[in-house]
Amino acid sequence: MKTSKLVKGGIVIALYVVLTYSLPSLAYGPLQFRLSEIMTLLAFIDPFYVLPLTIGCAISNIFSPFGIIDVIFGSLASFLALYSMTKTKNIFVASLWPAVFSFIIGLEILFLSKEPVNFFLITGQIMLSEFMIVSVIGVPIFNIIQKNDYIMNILKND
């Protein structure tokens, strides 16, 4: 692996973690307003970013109330969404995958919560959160980024 790829991957991991921890009260639970989730659209631009973003999610989930379980299943949900994004041709459709795979987080909360929860309500809240962050906020940002050849050359790997 080229040094430039390692550096890009490390920067993406670090940014994901920092952006997640920047609003820790909103990063975990039924309403997950993670600014870092905007970065998932990098996988739409280049499949290389699937692994760094999955690792960033795993590191961010270490401090989740559900600990190692969230590291495993939260990262699984992210990986599945990211991988699906790489196979999708339209950025808006690609942006929906994190919301689609939110059912995994809903199941996690259902099974691990100390309080009784409604799976459909919890999952719907997480799906709405993902939709707002990735589709409503992220897609317009990435549409602007995609028009800038300089930034796109930096983001794409050889």
Protein backbone atom coordinates (compact mmCIF):
# COMPACT_ATOMS: atom_id res chain seq x y z
CA MET A 1 0.00 0.00 0.00
CA LYS A 2 1.29 3.43 -0.89
CA THR A 3 2.16 5.84 1.88
CA SER A 4 -0.37 8.34 0.52
CA LYS A 5 -3.16 5.78 0.92
CA LEU A 6 -2.11 5.05 4.50
CA VAL A 7 -2.07 8.75 5.28
CA LYS A 8 -5.50 9.31 3.67
CA GLY A 9 -6.92 6.35 5.56
CA GLY A 10 -5.45 7.57 8.85
CA ILE A 11 -6.81 11.08 8.32
CA VAL A 12 -10.28 9.71 7.55
CA ILE A 13 -10.23 7.49 10.65
CA ALA A 14 -9.10 10.40 12.84
CA LEU A 15 -11.65 12.83 11.38
CA TYR A 16 -14.48 10.34 11.84
CA VAL A 17 -13.55 9.81 15.50
CA VAL A 18 -13.05 13.52 16.22
CA LEU A 19 -16.33 14.50 14.55
CA THR A 20 -18.17 11.77 16.47
CA TYR A 21 -16.69 12.85 19.80
CA SER A 22 -17.35 16.53 19.05
CA LEU A 23 -21.01 16.02 20.01
CA PRO A 24 -20.86 12.97 22.29
CA SER A 25 -24.34 13.43 23.72
CA LEU A 26 -25.76 13.11 20.21
CA ALA A 27 -23.43 10.36 18.97
CA TYR A 28 -25.09 7.43 20.74
CA GLY A 29 -28.62 6.30 21.43
CA PRO A 30 -31.92 6.48 19.58
CA LEU A 31 -31.17 9.89 18.04
CA GLN A 32 -27.70 9.69 16.55
CA PHE A 33 -26.71 13.03 15.11
CA ARG A 34 -23.15 12.12 14.13
CA LEU A 35 -21.57 14.75 11.93
CA SER A 36 -19.02 12.09 11.03
CA GLU A 37 -21.70 10.19 9.11
CA ILE A 38 -21.47 12.79 6.33
CA MET A 39 -18.08 11.24 5.60
CA THR A 40 -19.71 7.95 4.65
CA LEU A 41 -20.29 9.47 1.22
CA LEU A 42 -16.55 9.13 0.65
CA ALA A 43 -17.28 5.45 -0.04
CA PHE A 44 -19.47 6.58 -2.93
CA ILE A 45 -16.50 8.45 -4.38
CA ASP A 46 -13.95 5.67 -3.82
CA PRO A 47 -14.36 2.15 -2.34
CA PHE A 48 -10.98 2.61 -0.61
CA TYR A 49 -12.75 4.57 2.14
CA VAL A 50 -14.89 1.61 3.28
CA LEU A 51 -12.18 0.23 5.57
CA PRO A 52 -11.02 3.54 7.13
CA LEU A 53 -14.61 4.62 7.78
CA THR A 54 -15.47 1.23 9.31
CA ILE A 55 -12.40 1.47 11.57
CA GLY A 56 -13.33 5.05 12.51
CA CYS A 57 -16.81 3.85 13.45
CA ALA A 58 -15.40 0.97 15.50
CA ILE A 59 -13.08 3.30 17.43
CA SER A 60 -15.92 5.78 17.99
CA ASN A 61 -18.15 3.01 19.33
CA ILE A 62 -15.65 1.99 22.01
CA PHE A 63 -17.16 4.66 24.27
CA SER A 64 -20.74 3.77 23.39
CA PRO A 65 -23.00 2.79 26.30
CA PHE A 66 -23.11 -0.71 24.74
CA GLY A 67 -19.31 -1.02 24.49
CA ILE A 68 -17.87 -3.94 22.57
CA ILE A 69 -21.29 -5.02 21.29
CA ASP A 70 -21.67 -1.64 19.60
CA VAL A 71 -18.13 -1.86 18.27
CA ILE A 72 -19.09 -5.11 16.55
CA PHE A 73 -22.67 -4.51 15.44
CA GLY A 74 -22.47 -0.74 14.91
CA SER A 75 -19.40 -1.27 12.76
CA LEU A 76 -21.17 -4.09 10.91
CA ALA A 77 -24.06 -1.76 10.09
CA SER A 78 -21.60 0.86 8.87
CA PHE A 79 -19.63 -1.64 6.81
CA LEU A 80 -22.77 -2.95 5.10
CA ALA A 81 -23.95 0.59 4.34
CA LEU A 82 -20.52 1.65 3.07
CA TYR A 83 -20.11 -1.42 0.89
CA SER A 84 -23.59 -0.89 -0.55
CA MET A 85 -22.70 2.74 -1.30
CA THR A 86 -19.79 1.57 -3.45
CA LYS A 87 -22.21 -0.45 -5.60
CA THR A 88 -24.72 2.36 -6.06
CA LYS A 89 -24.52 4.73 -9.05
CA ASN A 90 -26.62 7.63 -7.74
CA ILE A 91 -25.34 9.67 -4.79
CA PHE A 92 -28.80 10.25 -3.31
CA VAL A 93 -29.68 6.55 -3.46
CA ALA A 94 -26.23 5.74 -2.01
CA SER A 95 -26.92 8.15 0.85
CA LEU A 96 -29.92 6.08 1.90
CA TRP A 97 -27.90 2.95 2.80
CA PRO A 98 -26.87 4.15 6.29
CA ALA A 99 -30.55 4.68 7.10
CA VAL A 100 -31.50 1.28 5.67
CA PHE A 101 -28.96 -0.58 7.80
CA SER A 102 -29.99 1.32 10.93
CA PHE A 103 -32.26 -1.59 11.77
CA ILE A 104 -29.13 -3.32 13.12
CA ILE A 105 -28.66 -0.50 15.63
CA GLY A 106 -32.37 -0.66 16.45
CA LEU A 107 -32.02 -4.36 17.24
CA GLU A 108 -28.95 -3.67 19.33
CA ILE A 109 -30.80 -1.08 21.40
CA LEU A 110 -33.85 -3.35 21.68
CA PHE A 111 -31.84 -6.26 23.07
CA LEU A 112 -29.40 -4.31 25.25
CA SER A 113 -31.49 -1.48 26.65
CA LYS A 114 -32.26 -1.63 30.36
CA GLU A 115 -35.61 0.01 29.68
CA PRO A 116 -38.32 -1.51 27.46
CA VAL A 117 -38.19 0.08 24.01
CA ASN A 118 -40.31 0.01 20.90
CA PHE A 119 -38.11 -1.40 18.11
CA PHE A 120 -39.99 0.40 15.35
CA LEU A 121 -39.88 3.77 17.12
CA ILE A 122 -36.17 3.47 17.97
CA THR A 123 -35.25 2.22 14.49
CA GLY A 124 -37.34 4.95 12.87
CA GLN A 125 -35.57 7.60 14.95
CA ILE A 126 -32.15 6.29 13.97
CA MET A 127 -33.18 6.02 10.32
CA LEU A 128 -34.47 9.60 10.38
CA SER A 129 -31.22 10.77 12.01
CA GLU A 130 -29.13 9.01 9.35
CA PHE A 131 -31.32 10.37 6.56
CA MET A 132 -31.01 13.93 7.88
CA ILE A 133 -27.23 13.79 8.28
CA VAL A 134 -26.21 11.81 5.20
CA SER A 135 -28.94 12.59 2.66
CA VAL A 136 -30.22 16.05 3.60
CA ILE A 137 -26.92 17.58 4.76
CA GLY A 138 -24.25 15.33 3.22
CA VAL A 139 -25.48 14.99 -0.36
CA PRO A 140 -25.52 18.76 -1.08
CA ILE A 141 -22.03 19.08 0.41
CA PHE A 142 -20.74 16.19 -1.70
CA ASN A 143 -22.45 17.52 -4.82
CA ILE A 144 -20.37 20.69 -4.37
CA ILE A 145 -17.22 18.66 -3.68
CA GLN A 146 -17.75 16.55 -6.80
CA LYS A 147 -17.71 19.70 -8.94
CA ASN A 148 -14.22 20.61 -7.69
CA ASP A 149 -11.63 18.68 -9.72
CA TYR A 150 -8.82 19.55 -7.32
CA ILE A 151 -10.60 18.08 -4.29
CA MET A 152 -11.78 15.06 -6.27
CA ASN A 153 -8.20 14.31 -7.35
CA ILE A 154 -7.14 14.39 -3.70
CA LEU A 155 -10.02 12.16 -2.60
CA LYS A 156 -9.70 9.55 -5.34
CA ASN A 157 -6.98 6.94 -4.98
CA ASP A 158 -4.81 5.75 -7.84
